[in-house]
Amino acid sequence: MRARGDLLCYHEPFIDDYYLNRSSRVIPHHQPRTDGPVLFNDVCDYLMEQAQSQPVFLKDMSYYVVPHMFDRKDFFNAVSHHFLIRRPQASIASYYLLDAEINCHEIGYESQWQHYCHCVNLNQTPVVIEAEQVQQNPPQQMAEWWRQLGLEFKPNAFVWEDQTPQDWQRVAGWHHSVMNSTGIHARAQSDIDAENSRFEHCVNQRAELREYLNYHRPFYQQLGTAG
């Protein structure tokens, strides 16, 4: 979305409010911002102000903002809510290897499902996107999504330079792979096998991860069916 060049993009603008004011713990690789809004309502106001002059795209976690975003109706209704999901085995292992203290809530699928259902209850039409499908054919999948958003197709958006966005600097430890990438690459069966092996390796180190998978998998499956 950044590589399109026509959107003002923000990376997890609500992370500071959640981990400084709502979470019971501090996560690694996170430096709170000192040059902008941090509190939830201040972030909402800032994003809405920015959107007055240019289309805004933000990527964030539902568990940062659910359920209190439901009470901020002006912001909620101004946003087009779309959901990216990834196989939970891959997602959990990826998170755990960067943060061994991950808790069940942070797996996130339950909050995504609550977020999705709230959209539906308000007669919105959220879109669910599966990461694995995007990886198989990025131009086709993204073209359809952009059409649904009312955005034109941008072929230049599928290749980017190896340059870290400024707002990633505070959480750079979470994004080594993508920071060194220049595009989205197709998946092979060997990638899926590696993800499953990685998950089992992580479970051997922390057995609760399988409980997290079992708890969140129904929400993941419901999102996949809804999409």
C-alpha atoms as a PDB file:
ATOM      1  CA  MET A   1       0.000   0.000   0.000  1.00  0.00           C
ATOM      2  CA  ARG A   2       2.922   2.345   0.630  1.00  0.00           C
ATOM      3  CA  ALA A   3       4.454   1.484  -2.713  1.00  0.00           C
ATOM      4  CA  ARG A   4       1.318   2.702  -4.480  1.00  0.00           C
ATOM      5  CA  GLY A   5       2.456   6.245  -3.756  1.00  0.00           C
ATOM      6  CA  ASP A   6      -1.017   7.778  -3.466  1.00  0.00           C
ATOM      7  CA  LEU A   7      -1.902   6.974   0.158  1.00  0.00           C
ATOM      8  CA  LEU A   8      -0.821   8.427   3.478  1.00  0.00           C
ATOM      9  CA  CYS A   9       0.134   5.280   5.402  1.00  0.00           C
ATOM     10  CA  TYR A  10       0.395   4.670   9.132  1.00  0.00           C
ATOM     11  CA  HIS A  11       1.818   1.558  10.762  1.00  0.00           C
ATOM     12  CA  GLU A  12       0.027   0.515  13.971  1.00  0.00           C
ATOM     13  CA  PRO A  13      -0.813   4.012  15.221  1.00  0.00           C
ATOM     14  CA  PHE A  14      -2.703   2.558  18.212  1.00  0.00           C
ATOM     15  CA  ILE A  15       0.134   0.370  19.522  1.00  0.00           C
ATOM     16  CA  ASP A  16       1.353   2.929  22.055  1.00  0.00           C
ATOM     17  CA  ASP A  17      -2.064   3.497  23.596  1.00  0.00           C
ATOM     18  CA  TYR A  18      -2.566  -0.243  24.003  1.00  0.00           C
ATOM     19  CA  TYR A  19       0.805  -1.197  25.440  1.00  0.00           C
ATOM     20  CA  LEU A  20       1.258   1.907  27.566  1.00  0.00           C
ATOM     21  CA  ASN A  21      -2.299   2.240  28.879  1.00  0.00           C
ATOM     22  CA  ARG A  22      -4.192  -1.052  28.446  1.00  0.00           C
ATOM     23  CA  SER A  23      -1.818  -4.000  28.409  1.00  0.00           C
ATOM     24  CA  SER A  24      -0.508  -5.720  31.522  1.00  0.00           C
ATOM     25  CA  ARG A  25       2.932  -6.086  29.974  1.00  0.00           C
ATOM     26  CA  VAL A  26       5.532  -4.422  27.784  1.00  0.00           C
ATOM     27  CA  ILE A  27       6.514  -5.997  24.471  1.00  0.00           C
ATOM     28  CA  PRO A  28      10.063  -6.141  23.102  1.00  0.00           C
ATOM     29  CA  HIS A  29      11.259  -4.142  20.082  1.00  0.00           C
ATOM     30  CA  HIS A  30       8.865  -1.287  20.836  1.00  0.00           C
ATOM     31  CA  GLN A  31       9.846   2.326  21.344  1.00  0.00           C
ATOM     32  CA  PRO A  32       6.863   4.564  22.200  1.00  0.00           C
ATOM     33  CA  ARG A  33       6.533   7.552  19.932  1.00  0.00           C
ATOM     34  CA  THR A  34       7.475  10.984  21.219  1.00  0.00           C
ATOM     35  CA  ASP A  35       6.530  13.043  18.170  1.00  0.00           C
ATOM     36  CA  GLY A  36       2.780  12.550  17.895  1.00  0.00           C
ATOM     37  CA  PRO A  37      -0.475  11.457  19.559  1.00  0.00           C
ATOM     38  CA  VAL A  38      -0.486   8.403  21.808  1.00  0.00           C
ATOM     39  CA  LEU A  39      -3.863   8.317  23.573  1.00  0.00           C
ATOM     40  CA  PHE A  40      -6.631   6.498  21.721  1.00  0.00           C
ATOM     41  CA  ASN A  41      -8.954   9.453  21.118  1.00  0.00           C
ATOM     42  CA  ASP A  42      -6.053  11.712  20.163  1.00  0.00           C
ATOM     43  CA  VAL A  43      -4.916   9.177  17.553  1.00  0.00           C
ATOM     44  CA  CYS A  44      -8.452   8.969  16.148  1.00  0.00           C
ATOM     45  CA  ASP A  45      -8.648  12.759  15.909  1.00  0.00           C
ATOM     46  CA  TYR A  46      -5.238  12.963  14.246  1.00  0.00           C
ATOM     47  CA  LEU A  47      -6.032  10.318  11.615  1.00  0.00           C
ATOM     48  CA  MET A  48      -9.367  11.916  10.766  1.00  0.00           C
ATOM     49  CA  GLU A  49      -7.662  15.280  10.400  1.00  0.00           C
ATOM     50  CA  GLN A  50      -5.028  13.820   8.069  1.00  0.00           C
ATOM     51  CA  ALA A  51      -7.726  12.181   5.962  1.00  0.00           C
ATOM     52  CA  GLN A  52      -9.187  15.590   5.152  1.00  0.00           C
ATOM     53  CA  SER A  53      -6.349  16.265   2.717  1.00  0.00           C
ATOM     54  CA  GLN A  54      -5.279  12.810   1.477  1.00  0.00           C
ATOM     55  CA  PRO A  55      -6.600   9.223   1.593  1.00  0.00           C
ATOM     56  CA  VAL A  56      -5.259   7.452   4.675  1.00  0.00           C
ATOM     57  CA  PHE A  57      -4.393   3.758   4.995  1.00  0.00           C
ATOM     58  CA  LEU A  58      -3.539   2.320   8.383  1.00  0.00           C
ATOM     59  CA  LYS A  59      -2.562  -1.182   9.383  1.00  0.00           C
ATOM     60  CA  ASP A  60      -3.298  -2.092  12.965  1.00  0.00           C
ATOM     61  CA  MET A  61      -4.283  -4.906  15.294  1.00  0.00           C
ATOM     62  CA  SER A  62      -7.922  -5.366  16.262  1.00  0.00           C
ATOM     63  CA  TYR A  63      -6.940  -6.274  19.813  1.00  0.00           C
ATOM     64  CA  TYR A  64      -5.451  -2.793  20.229  1.00  0.00           C
ATOM     65  CA  VAL A  65      -8.820  -1.129  19.614  1.00  0.00           C
ATOM     66  CA  VAL A  66     -11.614  -3.619  20.416  1.00  0.00           C
ATOM     67  CA  PRO A  67     -14.025  -2.997  22.042  1.00  0.00           C
ATOM     68  CA  HIS A  68     -13.467   0.672  22.910  1.00  0.00           C
ATOM     69  CA  MET A  69     -13.346   1.732  19.257  1.00  0.00           C
ATOM     70  CA  PHE A  70     -17.009   0.756  19.021  1.00  0.00           C
ATOM     71  CA  ASP A  71     -17.841   3.743  21.219  1.00  0.00           C
ATOM     72  CA  ARG A  72     -15.953   6.151  18.969  1.00  0.00           C
ATOM     73  CA  LYS A  73     -18.700   6.107  16.345  1.00  0.00           C
ATOM     74  CA  ASP A  74     -17.455   9.017  14.221  1.00  0.00           C
ATOM     75  CA  PHE A  75     -14.097   7.330  13.714  1.00  0.00           C
ATOM     76  CA  PHE A  76     -15.482   3.809  13.318  1.00  0.00           C
ATOM     77  CA  ASN A  77     -17.976   4.882  10.665  1.00  0.00           C
ATOM     78  CA  ALA A  78     -15.366   6.884   8.768  1.00  0.00           C
ATOM     79  CA  VAL A  79     -13.120   3.838   8.335  1.00  0.00           C
ATOM     80  CA  SER A  80     -13.446   1.065   5.763  1.00  0.00           C
ATOM     81  CA  HIS A  81     -12.614  -2.015   7.853  1.00  0.00           C
ATOM     82  CA  HIS A  82     -10.804  -4.865   6.102  1.00  0.00           C
ATOM     83  CA  PHE A  83      -9.203  -7.889   7.718  1.00  0.00           C
ATOM     84  CA  LEU A  84      -5.994  -9.710   6.827  1.00  0.00           C
ATOM     85  CA  ILE A  85      -5.733 -13.245   8.216  1.00  0.00           C
ATOM     86  CA  ARG A  86      -2.891 -15.753   8.123  1.00  0.00           C
ATOM     87  CA  ARG A  87      -2.727 -19.439   9.033  1.00  0.00           C
ATOM     88  CA  PRO A  88      -2.601 -19.357  12.849  1.00  0.00           C
ATOM     89  CA  GLN A  89       0.208 -21.917  13.055  1.00  0.00           C
ATOM     90  CA  ALA A  90       2.403 -19.577  11.036  1.00  0.00           C
ATOM     91  CA  SER A  91       1.222 -16.467  12.817  1.00  0.00           C
ATOM     92  CA  ILE A  92       1.688 -17.840  16.331  1.00  0.00           C
ATOM     93  CA  ALA A  93       5.160 -19.214  15.626  1.00  0.00           C
ATOM     94  CA  SER A  94       6.255 -15.987  13.965  1.00  0.00           C
ATOM     95  CA  TYR A  95       5.093 -13.953  16.952  1.00  0.00           C
ATOM     96  CA  TYR A  96       6.537 -16.330  19.553  1.00  0.00           C
ATOM     97  CA  LEU A  97      10.001 -16.332  17.993  1.00  0.00           C
ATOM     98  CA  LEU A  98      10.118 -12.563  18.436  1.00  0.00           C
ATOM     99  CA  ASP A  99       8.333 -12.421  21.783  1.00  0.00           C
ATOM    100  CA  ALA A 100       8.368 -15.559  23.923  1.00  0.00           C
ATOM    101  CA  GLU A 101       5.995 -13.955  26.468  1.00  0.00           C
ATOM    102  CA  ILE A 102       3.097 -13.640  24.019  1.00  0.00           C
ATOM    103  CA  ASN A 103      -0.286 -14.154  25.687  1.00  0.00           C
ATOM    104  CA  CYS A 104      -3.496 -15.664  24.324  1.00  0.00           C
ATOM    105  CA  HIS A 105      -5.229 -12.325  23.765  1.00  0.00           C
ATOM    106  CA  GLU A 106      -2.383 -11.146  21.535  1.00  0.00           C
ATOM    107  CA  ILE A 107      -2.937 -13.988  19.073  1.00  0.00           C
ATOM    108  CA  GLY A 108      -5.695 -11.672  17.929  1.00  0.00           C
ATOM    109  CA  TYR A 109      -8.231 -13.714  15.959  1.00  0.00           C
ATOM    110  CA  GLU A 110     -10.952 -13.396  18.589  1.00  0.00           C
ATOM    111  CA  SER A 111     -10.663  -9.599  18.508  1.00  0.00           C
ATOM    112  CA  GLN A 112     -10.681  -9.653  14.716  1.00  0.00           C
ATOM    113  CA  TRP A 113     -13.903 -11.672  14.744  1.00  0.00           C
ATOM    114  CA  GLN A 114     -15.519  -9.289  17.240  1.00  0.00           C
ATOM    115  CA  HIS A 115     -14.401  -6.370  15.103  1.00  0.00           C
ATOM    116  CA  TYR A 116     -15.769  -8.021  11.961  1.00  0.00           C
ATOM    117  CA  CYS A 117     -19.123  -8.817  13.579  1.00  0.00           C
ATOM    118  CA  HIS A 118     -19.519  -5.246  14.788  1.00  0.00           C
ATOM    119  CA  CYS A 119     -19.031  -4.041  11.222  1.00  0.00           C
ATOM    120  CA  VAL A 120     -21.674  -6.458   9.952  1.00  0.00           C
ATOM    121  CA  ASN A 121     -24.102  -5.447  12.694  1.00  0.00           C
ATOM    122  CA  LEU A 122     -23.780  -1.858  11.460  1.00  0.00           C
ATOM    123  CA  ASN A 123     -24.524  -2.972   7.885  1.00  0.00           C
ATOM    124  CA  GLN A 124     -20.970  -2.408   6.753  1.00  0.00           C
ATOM    125  CA  THR A 125     -19.381  -4.828   4.282  1.00  0.00           C
ATOM    126  CA  PRO A 126     -15.911  -5.676   5.580  1.00  0.00           C
ATOM    127  CA  VAL A 127     -13.571  -7.698   3.391  1.00  0.00           C
ATOM    128  CA  VAL A 128     -11.441 -10.601   4.634  1.00  0.00           C
ATOM    129  CA  ILE A 129      -8.153 -11.193   2.838  1.00  0.00           C
ATOM    130  CA  GLU A 130      -6.092 -14.349   3.281  1.00  0.00           C
ATOM    131  CA  ALA A 131      -2.357 -13.717   3.282  1.00  0.00           C
ATOM    132  CA  GLU A 132      -1.629 -17.039   1.601  1.00  0.00           C
ATOM    133  CA  GLN A 133      -3.867 -16.180  -1.348  1.00  0.00           C
ATOM    134  CA  VAL A 134      -2.180 -12.818  -1.769  1.00  0.00           C
ATOM    135  CA  GLN A 135       1.184 -14.573  -1.831  1.00  0.00           C
ATOM    136  CA  GLN A 136       0.036 -16.928  -4.579  1.00  0.00           C
ATOM    137  CA  ASN A 137      -0.962 -14.171  -6.985  1.00  0.00           C
ATOM    138  CA  PRO A 138      -0.350 -10.649  -5.641  1.00  0.00           C
ATOM    139  CA  PRO A 139      -1.487  -8.655  -8.723  1.00  0.00           C
ATOM    140  CA  GLN A 140      -4.760 -10.541  -9.080  1.00  0.00           C
ATOM    141  CA  GLN A 141      -5.633 -10.520  -5.382  1.00  0.00           C
ATOM    142  CA  MET A 142      -4.641  -6.912  -4.809  1.00  0.00           C
ATOM    143  CA  ALA A 143      -6.377  -5.719  -7.959  1.00  0.00           C
ATOM    144  CA  GLU A 144      -9.667  -7.117  -6.681  1.00  0.00           C
ATOM    145  CA  TRP A 145      -9.169  -5.632  -3.227  1.00  0.00           C
ATOM    146  CA  TRP A 146      -8.251  -2.231  -4.643  1.00  0.00           C
ATOM    147  CA  ARG A 147     -11.351  -2.374  -6.835  1.00  0.00           C
ATOM    148  CA  GLN A 148     -13.469  -2.909  -3.751  1.00  0.00           C
ATOM    149  CA  LEU A 149     -11.776   0.083  -2.115  1.00  0.00           C
ATOM    150  CA  GLY A 150     -12.256   2.256  -5.176  1.00  0.00           C
ATOM    151  CA  LEU A 151      -8.520   2.459  -5.850  1.00  0.00           C
ATOM    152  CA  GLU A 152      -6.991   2.180  -9.295  1.00  0.00           C
ATOM    153  CA  PHE A 153      -4.586  -0.621 -10.164  1.00  0.00           C
ATOM    154  CA  LYS A 154      -0.944   0.329  -9.576  1.00  0.00           C
ATOM    155  CA  PRO A 155       1.493  -2.163 -11.148  1.00  0.00           C
ATOM    156  CA  ASN A 156       4.440  -0.306  -9.622  1.00  0.00           C
ATOM    157  CA  ALA A 157       3.240  -1.272  -6.134  1.00  0.00           C
ATOM    158  CA  PHE A 158       4.510  -4.843  -6.347  1.00  0.00           C
ATOM    159  CA  VAL A 159       8.190  -3.923  -6.211  1.00  0.00           C
ATOM    160  CA  TRP A 160       9.715  -1.642  -3.614  1.00  0.00           C
ATOM    161  CA  GLU A 161      13.119  -0.447  -2.593  1.00  0.00           C
ATOM    162  CA  ASP A 162      14.959  -1.814   0.408  1.00  0.00           C
ATOM    163  CA  GLN A 163      14.235   1.207   2.584  1.00  0.00           C
ATOM    164  CA  THR A 164      12.602   1.137   6.001  1.00  0.00           C
ATOM    165  CA  PRO A 165       9.581   3.444   6.391  1.00  0.00           C
ATOM    166  CA  GLN A 166      10.130   6.069   9.058  1.00  0.00           C
ATOM    167  CA  ASP A 167       7.284   4.884  11.268  1.00  0.00           C
ATOM    168  CA  TRP A 168       8.708   1.347  11.318  1.00  0.00           C
ATOM    169  CA  GLN A 169      11.851   2.493  13.102  1.00  0.00           C
ATOM    170  CA  ARG A 170      10.173   2.221  16.511  1.00  0.00           C
ATOM    171  CA  VAL A 171       9.262  -1.452  15.930  1.00  0.00           C
ATOM    172  CA  ALA A 172      12.020  -2.431  13.506  1.00  0.00           C
ATOM    173  CA  GLY A 173      12.811  -5.611  15.450  1.00  0.00           C
ATOM    174  CA  TRP A 174       9.484  -7.091  14.321  1.00  0.00           C
ATOM    175  CA  HIS A 175      10.070  -6.622  10.600  1.00  0.00           C
ATOM    176  CA  HIS A 176      13.524  -7.865   9.611  1.00  0.00           C
ATOM    177  CA  SER A 177      12.270 -10.055   6.756  1.00  0.00           C
ATOM    178  CA  VAL A 178       9.965  -7.555   5.092  1.00  0.00           C
ATOM    179  CA  MET A 179      12.476  -4.741   5.590  1.00  0.00           C
ATOM    180  CA  ASN A 180      14.926  -6.738   3.487  1.00  0.00           C
ATOM    181  CA  SER A 181      12.366  -7.689   0.852  1.00  0.00           C
ATOM    182  CA  THR A 182      11.620  -6.091  -2.497  1.00  0.00           C
ATOM    183  CA  GLY A 183       8.289  -7.782  -3.239  1.00  0.00           C
ATOM    184  CA  ILE A 184       5.834 -10.553  -2.362  1.00  0.00           C
ATOM    185  CA  HIS A 185       6.939 -14.060  -3.263  1.00  0.00           C
ATOM    186  CA  ALA A 186       4.769 -17.075  -4.032  1.00  0.00           C
ATOM    187  CA  ARG A 187       4.472 -19.881  -1.508  1.00  0.00           C
ATOM    188  CA  ALA A 188       5.384 -23.489  -2.079  1.00  0.00           C
ATOM    189  CA  GLN A 189       4.319 -26.592  -0.183  1.00  0.00           C
ATOM    190  CA  SER A 190       7.750 -26.569   1.415  1.00  0.00           C
ATOM    191  CA  ASP A 191       6.886 -23.196   2.990  1.00  0.00           C
ATOM    192  CA  ILE A 192       3.733 -24.636   4.569  1.00  0.00           C
ATOM    193  CA  ASP A 193       5.687 -27.664   5.841  1.00  0.00           C
ATOM    194  CA  ALA A 194       8.297 -25.353   7.326  1.00  0.00           C
ATOM    195  CA  GLU A 195       5.602 -23.285   9.050  1.00  0.00           C
ATOM    196  CA  ASN A 196       4.089 -26.396  10.615  1.00  0.00           C
ATOM    197  CA  SER A 197       7.495 -27.625  11.767  1.00  0.00           C
ATOM    198  CA  ARG A 198       8.304 -24.213  13.195  1.00  0.00           C
ATOM    199  CA  PHE A 199       5.045 -24.182  15.133  1.00  0.00           C
ATOM    200  CA  GLU A 200       5.713 -27.646  16.615  1.00  0.00           C
ATOM    201  CA  HIS A 201       9.217 -26.529  17.562  1.00  0.00           C
ATOM    202  CA  CYS A 202       7.727 -23.528  19.383  1.00  0.00           C
ATOM    203  CA  VAL A 203       5.153 -25.735  21.139  1.00  0.00           C
ATOM    204  CA  ASN A 204       7.982 -27.912  22.412  1.00  0.00           C
ATOM    205  CA  GLN A 205       9.378 -24.800  24.055  1.00  0.00           C
ATOM    206  CA  ARG A 206       6.043 -23.473  25.351  1.00  0.00           C
ATOM    207  CA  ALA A 207       3.125 -25.894  25.462  1.00  0.00           C
ATOM    208  CA  GLU A 208       0.497 -23.149  25.961  1.00  0.00           C
ATOM    209  CA  LEU A 209       0.898 -22.185  22.320  1.00  0.00           C
ATOM    210  CA  ARG A 210      -1.170 -25.203  21.284  1.00  0.00           C
ATOM    211  CA  GLU A 211      -3.911 -24.065  23.654  1.00  0.00           C
ATOM    212  CA  TYR A 212      -3.746 -20.624  22.041  1.00  0.00           C
ATOM    213  CA  LEU A 213      -4.113 -22.249  18.617  1.00  0.00           C
ATOM    214  CA  ASN A 214      -7.107 -24.321  19.712  1.00  0.00           C
ATOM    215  CA  TYR A 215      -8.777 -21.288  21.254  1.00  0.00           C
ATOM    216  CA  HIS A 216      -8.325 -18.961  18.280  1.00  0.00           C
ATOM    217  CA  ARG A 217      -8.679 -21.390  15.370  1.00  0.00           C
ATOM    218  CA  PRO A 218     -12.529 -21.245  15.367  1.00  0.00           C
ATOM    219  CA  PHE A 219     -12.382 -17.434  15.006  1.00  0.00           C
ATOM    220  CA  TYR A 220      -9.857 -17.791  12.178  1.00  0.00           C
ATOM    221  CA  GLN A 221     -12.116 -20.321  10.444  1.00  0.00           C
ATOM    222  CA  GLN A 222     -15.183 -18.109  10.822  1.00  0.00           C
ATOM    223  CA  LEU A 223     -13.294 -15.173   9.330  1.00  0.00           C
ATOM    224  CA  GLY A 224     -12.152 -17.375   6.443  1.00  0.00           C
ATOM    225  CA  THR A 225     -15.708 -18.485   5.770  1.00  0.00           C
ATOM    226  CA  ALA A 226     -16.977 -14.910   6.018  1.00  0.00           C
ATOM    227  CA  GLY A 227     -14.371 -13.749   3.508  1.00  0.00           C
END
